[in-house]
Amino acid sequence: MTPRVGLIMGSDSDWPVMSDAADALAEFEVPFEVGVVSAHRTPARMLTYAQEAAGRGIEAVSYT
């Protein structure tokens, strides 16, 4: 199934916050992807993610 939501964290330490969102999406059977991309340390990588997300089927992004 193609992910429809991107759950993006600035670092692995954000997982305790983002895991609740992942649990809710899974409960409602919404396909999602999880990634770690720091907008502060790697802004070009974050920009690339944002530019390519829709092309991969991502309709919404949640960033911590």
PDB file of N, CA and C in Angstrom:
ATOM      1  N   MET A   1       0.827  -1.176   0.000  1.00  0.00           N
ATOM      2  CA  MET A   1       0.000   0.000   0.000  1.00  0.00           C
ATOM      3  C   MET A   1       0.880   1.251   0.000  1.00  0.00           C
ATOM      4  N   THR A   2       0.557   2.210  -0.798  1.00  0.00           N
ATOM      5  CA  THR A   2       1.325   3.447  -0.882  1.00  0.00           C
ATOM      6  C   THR A   2       1.030   4.332   0.324  1.00  0.00           C
ATOM      7  N   PRO A   3       2.078   4.799   1.008  1.00  0.00           N
ATOM      8  CA  PRO A   3       1.846   5.692   2.153  1.00  0.00           C
ATOM      9  C   PRO A   3       1.108   6.960   1.729  1.00  0.00           C
ATOM     10  N   ARG A   4       0.161   7.408   2.560  1.00  0.00           N
ATOM     11  CA  ARG A   4      -0.579   8.646   2.302  1.00  0.00           C
ATOM     12  C   ARG A   4      -0.168   9.758   3.251  1.00  0.00           C
ATOM     13  N   VAL A   5       0.473   9.375   4.366  1.00  0.00           N
ATOM     14  CA  VAL A   5       0.890  10.349   5.371  1.00  0.00           C
ATOM     15  C   VAL A   5       2.367  10.140   5.669  1.00  0.00           C
ATOM     16  N   GLY A   6       3.094  11.228   5.788  1.00  0.00           N
ATOM     17  CA  GLY A   6       4.496  11.169   6.190  1.00  0.00           C
ATOM     18  C   GLY A   6       4.635  11.656   7.622  1.00  0.00           C
ATOM     19  N   LEU A   7       5.192  10.824   8.473  1.00  0.00           N
ATOM     20  CA  LEU A   7       5.491  11.209   9.852  1.00  0.00           C
ATOM     21  C   LEU A   7       6.986  11.461   9.917  1.00  0.00           C
ATOM     22  N   ILE A   8       7.372  12.705  10.016  1.00  0.00           N
ATOM     23  CA  ILE A   8       8.777  13.079   9.950  1.00  0.00           C
ATOM     24  C   ILE A   8       9.207  13.683  11.281  1.00  0.00           C
ATOM     25  N   MET A   9      10.329  13.188  11.774  1.00  0.00           N
ATOM     26  CA  MET A   9      10.870  13.662  13.046  1.00  0.00           C
ATOM     27  C   MET A   9      12.216  14.313  12.811  1.00  0.00           C
ATOM     28  N   GLY A  10      12.528  15.293  13.635  1.00  0.00           N
ATOM     29  CA  GLY A  10      13.830  15.936  13.557  1.00  0.00           C
ATOM     30  C   GLY A  10      14.940  15.049  14.076  1.00  0.00           C
ATOM     31  N   SER A  11      14.595  14.115  14.973  1.00  0.00           N
ATOM     32  CA  SER A  11      15.569  13.154  15.492  1.00  0.00           C
ATOM     33  C   SER A  11      14.817  11.954  16.051  1.00  0.00           C
ATOM     34  N   ASP A  12      15.550  10.854  16.265  1.00  0.00           N
ATOM     35  CA  ASP A  12      14.947   9.641  16.822  1.00  0.00           C
ATOM     36  C   ASP A  12      14.300   9.890  18.176  1.00  0.00           C
ATOM     37  N   SER A  13      14.814  10.848  18.906  1.00  0.00           N
ATOM     38  CA  SER A  13      14.286  11.108  20.249  1.00  0.00           C
ATOM     39  C   SER A  13      12.857  11.652  20.220  1.00  0.00           C
ATOM     40  N   ASP A  14      12.362  12.026  19.043  1.00  0.00           N
ATOM     41  CA  ASP A  14      10.986  12.502  18.910  1.00  0.00           C
ATOM     42  C   ASP A  14       9.974  11.368  18.779  1.00  0.00           C
ATOM     43  N   TRP A  15      10.446  10.119  18.682  1.00  0.00           N
ATOM     44  CA  TRP A  15       9.550   8.991  18.471  1.00  0.00           C
ATOM     45  C   TRP A  15       8.474   8.853  19.557  1.00  0.00           C
ATOM     46  N   PRO A  16       8.783   9.076  20.845  1.00  0.00           N
ATOM     47  CA  PRO A  16       7.714   8.963  21.844  1.00  0.00           C
ATOM     48  C   PRO A  16       6.522   9.886  21.556  1.00  0.00           C
ATOM     49  N   VAL A  17       6.762  11.026  20.971  1.00  0.00           N
ATOM     50  CA  VAL A  17       5.675  11.943  20.606  1.00  0.00           C
ATOM     51  C   VAL A  17       4.975  11.449  19.343  1.00  0.00           C
ATOM     52  N   MET A  18       5.740  11.060  18.349  1.00  0.00           N
ATOM     53  CA  MET A  18       5.184  10.679  17.053  1.00  0.00           C
ATOM     54  C   MET A  18       4.534   9.296  17.076  1.00  0.00           C
ATOM     55  N   SER A  19       4.901   8.453  18.026  1.00  0.00           N
ATOM     56  CA  SER A  19       4.348   7.098  18.058  1.00  0.00           C
ATOM     57  C   SER A  19       2.835   7.109  18.269  1.00  0.00           C
ATOM     58  N   ASP A  20       2.309   8.086  18.989  1.00  0.00           N
ATOM     59  CA  ASP A  20       0.854   8.181  19.156  1.00  0.00           C
ATOM     60  C   ASP A  20       0.169   8.442  17.816  1.00  0.00           C
ATOM     61  N   ALA A  21       0.766   9.279  16.995  1.00  0.00           N
ATOM     62  CA  ALA A  21       0.214   9.536  15.660  1.00  0.00           C
ATOM     63  C   ALA A  21       0.274   8.271  14.811  1.00  0.00           C
ATOM     64  N   ALA A  22       1.387   7.553  14.897  1.00  0.00           N
ATOM     65  CA  ALA A  22       1.526   6.305  14.145  1.00  0.00           C
ATOM     66  C   ALA A  22       0.476   5.285  14.590  1.00  0.00           C
ATOM     67  N   ASP A  23       0.258   5.189  15.892  1.00  0.00           N
ATOM     68  CA  ASP A  23      -0.755   4.262  16.411  1.00  0.00           C
ATOM     69  C   ASP A  23      -2.146   4.620  15.896  1.00  0.00           C
ATOM     70  N   ALA A  24      -2.482   5.905  15.891  1.00  0.00           N
ATOM     71  CA  ALA A  24      -3.800   6.344  15.416  1.00  0.00           C
ATOM     72  C   ALA A  24      -3.974   6.053  13.927  1.00  0.00           C
ATOM     73  N   LEU A  25      -2.949   6.337  13.143  1.00  0.00           N
ATOM     74  CA  LEU A  25      -3.032   6.057  11.707  1.00  0.00           C
ATOM     75  C   LEU A  25      -3.188   4.562  11.453  1.00  0.00           C
ATOM     76  N   ALA A  26      -2.441   3.756  12.177  1.00  0.00           N
ATOM     77  CA  ALA A  26      -2.543   2.304  12.020  1.00  0.00           C
ATOM     78  C   ALA A  26      -3.935   1.810  12.416  1.00  0.00           C
ATOM     79  N   GLU A  27      -4.482   2.366  13.485  1.00  0.00           N
ATOM     80  CA  GLU A  27      -5.817   1.965  13.938  1.00  0.00           C
ATOM     81  C   GLU A  27      -6.870   2.218  12.864  1.00  0.00           C
ATOM     82  N   PHE A  28      -6.729   3.323  12.127  1.00  0.00           N
ATOM     83  CA  PHE A  28      -7.673   3.657  11.071  1.00  0.00           C
ATOM     84  C   PHE A  28      -7.221   3.159   9.698  1.00  0.00           C
ATOM     85  N   GLU A  29      -6.185   2.331   9.697  1.00  0.00           N
ATOM     86  CA  GLU A  29      -5.663   1.706   8.476  1.00  0.00           C
ATOM     87  C   GLU A  29      -5.259   2.725   7.417  1.00  0.00           C
ATOM     88  N   VAL A  30      -4.680   3.830   7.874  1.00  0.00           N
ATOM     89  CA  VAL A  30      -4.146   4.842   6.965  1.00  0.00           C
ATOM     90  C   VAL A  30      -2.672   4.522   6.749  1.00  0.00           C
ATOM     91  N   PRO A  31      -2.266   4.228   5.528  1.00  0.00           N
ATOM     92  CA  PRO A  31      -0.861   3.913   5.279  1.00  0.00           C
ATOM     93  C   PRO A  31       0.029   5.149   5.483  1.00  0.00           C
ATOM     94  N   PHE A  32       1.162   4.930   6.130  1.00  0.00           N
ATOM     95  CA  PHE A  32       2.059   6.044   6.431  1.00  0.00           C
ATOM     96  C   PHE A  32       3.506   5.593   6.357  1.00  0.00           C
ATOM     97  N   GLU A  33       4.385   6.572   6.253  1.00  0.00           N
ATOM     98  CA  GLU A  33       5.818   6.318   6.309  1.00  0.00           C
ATOM     99  C   GLU A  33       6.396   7.139   7.448  1.00  0.00           C
ATOM    100  N   VAL A  34       7.480   6.655   8.015  1.00  0.00           N
ATOM    101  CA  VAL A  34       8.147   7.329   9.123  1.00  0.00           C
ATOM    102  C   VAL A  34       9.575   7.622   8.700  1.00  0.00           C
ATOM    103  N   GLY A  35      10.035   8.834   8.983  1.00  0.00           N
ATOM    104  CA  GLY A  35      11.406   9.189   8.644  1.00  0.00           C
ATOM    105  C   GLY A  35      11.989  10.173   9.633  1.00  0.00           C
ATOM    106  N   VAL A  36      13.308  10.236   9.634  1.00  0.00           N
ATOM    107  CA  VAL A  36      14.027  11.207  10.457  1.00  0.00           C
ATOM    108  C   VAL A  36      14.768  12.136   9.512  1.00  0.00           C
ATOM    109  N   VAL A  37      14.363  13.400   9.511  1.00  0.00           N
ATOM    110  CA  VAL A  37      14.987  14.414   8.666  1.00  0.00           C
ATOM    111  C   VAL A  37      15.034  15.707   9.472  1.00  0.00           C
ATOM    112  N   SER A  38      16.212  16.174   9.764  1.00  0.00           N
ATOM    113  CA  SER A  38      16.344  17.409  10.530  1.00  0.00           C
ATOM    114  C   SER A  38      16.294  18.616   9.598  1.00  0.00           C
ATOM    115  N   ALA A  39      15.271  19.441   9.782  1.00  0.00           N
ATOM    116  CA  ALA A  39      15.162  20.661   8.975  1.00  0.00           C
ATOM    117  C   ALA A  39      16.262  21.655   9.329  1.00  0.00           C
ATOM    118  N   HIS A  40      16.827  21.524  10.522  1.00  0.00           N
ATOM    119  CA  HIS A  40      17.875  22.450  10.964  1.00  0.00           C
ATOM    120  C   HIS A  40      19.267  21.991  10.524  1.00  0.00           C
ATOM    121  N   ARG A  41      19.541  20.684  10.659  1.00  0.00           N
ATOM    122  CA  ARG A  41      20.872  20.169  10.313  1.00  0.00           C
ATOM    123  C   ARG A  41      21.005  19.809   8.845  1.00  0.00           C
ATOM    124  N   THR A  42      19.909  19.388   8.217  1.00  0.00           N
ATOM    125  CA  THR A  42      19.953  18.991   6.802  1.00  0.00           C
ATOM    126  C   THR A  42      18.771  19.614   6.048  1.00  0.00           C
ATOM    127  N   PRO A  43      18.760  20.937   5.921  1.00  0.00           N
ATOM    128  CA  PRO A  43      17.620  21.596   5.277  1.00  0.00           C
ATOM    129  C   PRO A  43      17.412  21.168   3.824  1.00  0.00           C
ATOM    130  N   ALA A  44      18.475  20.886   3.110  1.00  0.00           N
ATOM    131  CA  ALA A  44      18.323  20.461   1.712  1.00  0.00           C
ATOM    132  C   ALA A  44      17.605  19.114   1.640  1.00  0.00           C
ATOM    133  N   ARG A  45      17.920  18.225   2.560  1.00  0.00           N
ATOM    134  CA  ARG A  45      17.259  16.916   2.590  1.00  0.00           C
ATOM    135  C   ARG A  45      15.770  17.078   2.910  1.00  0.00           C
ATOM    136  N   MET A  46      15.441  17.983   3.831  1.00  0.00           N
ATOM    137  CA  MET A  46      14.033  18.227   4.172  1.00  0.00           C
ATOM    138  C   MET A  46      13.293  18.817   2.986  1.00  0.00           C
ATOM    139  N   LEU A  47      13.929  19.736   2.282  1.00  0.00           N
ATOM    140  CA  LEU A  47      13.323  20.338   1.099  1.00  0.00           C
ATOM    141  C   LEU A  47      13.058  19.281   0.033  1.00  0.00           C
ATOM    142  N   THR A  48      14.023  18.401  -0.185  1.00  0.00           N
ATOM    143  CA  THR A  48      13.849  17.322  -1.157  1.00  0.00           C
ATOM    144  C   THR A  48      12.685  16.422  -0.761  1.00  0.00           C
ATOM    145  N   TYR A  49      12.616  16.069   0.522  1.00  0.00           N
ATOM    146  CA  TYR A  49      11.501  15.244   0.995  1.00  0.00           C
ATOM    147  C   TYR A  49      10.173  15.929   0.672  1.00  0.00           C
ATOM    148  N   ALA A  50      10.071  17.202   1.019  1.00  0.00           N
ATOM    149  CA  ALA A  50       8.827  17.943   0.801  1.00  0.00           C
ATOM    150  C   ALA A  50       8.470  18.027  -0.684  1.00  0.00           C
ATOM    151  N   GLN A  51       9.464  18.258  -1.527  1.00  0.00           N
ATOM    152  CA  GLN A  51       9.213  18.391  -2.959  1.00  0.00           C
ATOM    153  C   GLN A  51       8.786  17.073  -3.595  1.00  0.00           C
ATOM    154  N   GLU A  52       9.262  15.955  -3.075  1.00  0.00           N
ATOM    155  CA  GLU A  52       8.991  14.652  -3.678  1.00  0.00           C
ATOM    156  C   GLU A  52       7.817  13.913  -3.044  1.00  0.00           C
ATOM    157  N   ALA A  53       7.332  14.385  -1.912  1.00  0.00           N
ATOM    158  CA  ALA A  53       6.305  13.657  -1.163  1.00  0.00           C
ATOM    159  C   ALA A  53       5.032  13.426  -1.982  1.00  0.00           C
ATOM    160  N   ALA A  54       4.501  14.448  -2.598  1.00  0.00           N
ATOM    161  CA  ALA A  54       3.251  14.305  -3.351  1.00  0.00           C
ATOM    162  C   ALA A  54       3.394  13.304  -4.490  1.00  0.00           C
ATOM    163  N   GLY A  55       4.542  13.295  -5.128  1.00  0.00           N
ATOM    164  CA  GLY A  55       4.789  12.361  -6.217  1.00  0.00           C
ATOM    165  C   GLY A  55       4.794  10.908  -5.774  1.00  0.00           C
ATOM    166  N   ARG A  56       5.032  10.688  -4.489  1.00  0.00           N
ATOM    167  CA  ARG A  56       5.011   9.334  -3.926  1.00  0.00           C
ATOM    168  C   ARG A  56       3.647   8.987  -3.338  1.00  0.00           C
ATOM    169  N   GLY A  57       2.685   9.917  -3.425  1.00  0.00           N
ATOM    170  CA  GLY A  57       1.345   9.657  -2.912  1.00  0.00           C
ATOM    171  C   GLY A  57       1.074  10.234  -1.536  1.00  0.00           C
ATOM    172  N   ILE A  58       2.046  10.942  -0.968  1.00  0.00           N
ATOM    173  CA  ILE A  58       1.862  11.540   0.351  1.00  0.00           C
ATOM    174  C   ILE A  58       0.891  12.716   0.232  1.00  0.00           C
ATOM    175  N   GLU A  59      -0.152  12.705   1.052  1.00  0.00           N
ATOM    176  CA  GLU A  59      -1.161  13.765   1.040  1.00  0.00           C
ATOM    177  C   GLU A  59      -1.049  14.693   2.240  1.00  0.00           C
ATOM    178  N   ALA A  60      -0.375  14.243   3.293  1.00  0.00           N
ATOM    179  CA  ALA A  60      -0.216  15.060   4.505  1.00  0.00           C
ATOM    180  C   ALA A  60       1.103  14.692   5.170  1.00  0.00           C
ATOM    181  N   VAL A  61       1.710  15.684   5.811  1.00  0.00           N
ATOM    182  CA  VAL A  61       2.969  15.467   6.524  1.00  0.00           C
ATOM    183  C   VAL A  61       2.825  16.037   7.927  1.00  0.00           C
ATOM    184  N   SER A  62       3.273  15.257   8.902  1.00  0.00           N
ATOM    185  CA  SER A  62       3.341  15.735  10.279  1.00  0.00           C
ATOM    186  C   SER A  62       4.811  15.755  10.667  1.00  0.00           C
ATOM    187  N   TYR A  63       5.286  16.892  11.149  1.00  0.00           N
ATOM    188  CA  TYR A  63       6.706  17.059  11.481  1.00  0.00           C
ATOM    189  C   TYR A  63       6.850  17.475  12.938  1.00  0.00           C
ATOM    190  N   THR A  64       7.769  16.796  13.639  1.00  0.00           N
ATOM    191  CA  THR A  64       8.075  17.209  15.018  1.00  0.00           C
ATOM    192  C   THR A  64       9.495  17.686  15.080  1.00  0.00           C
TER     193      THR A  64
END
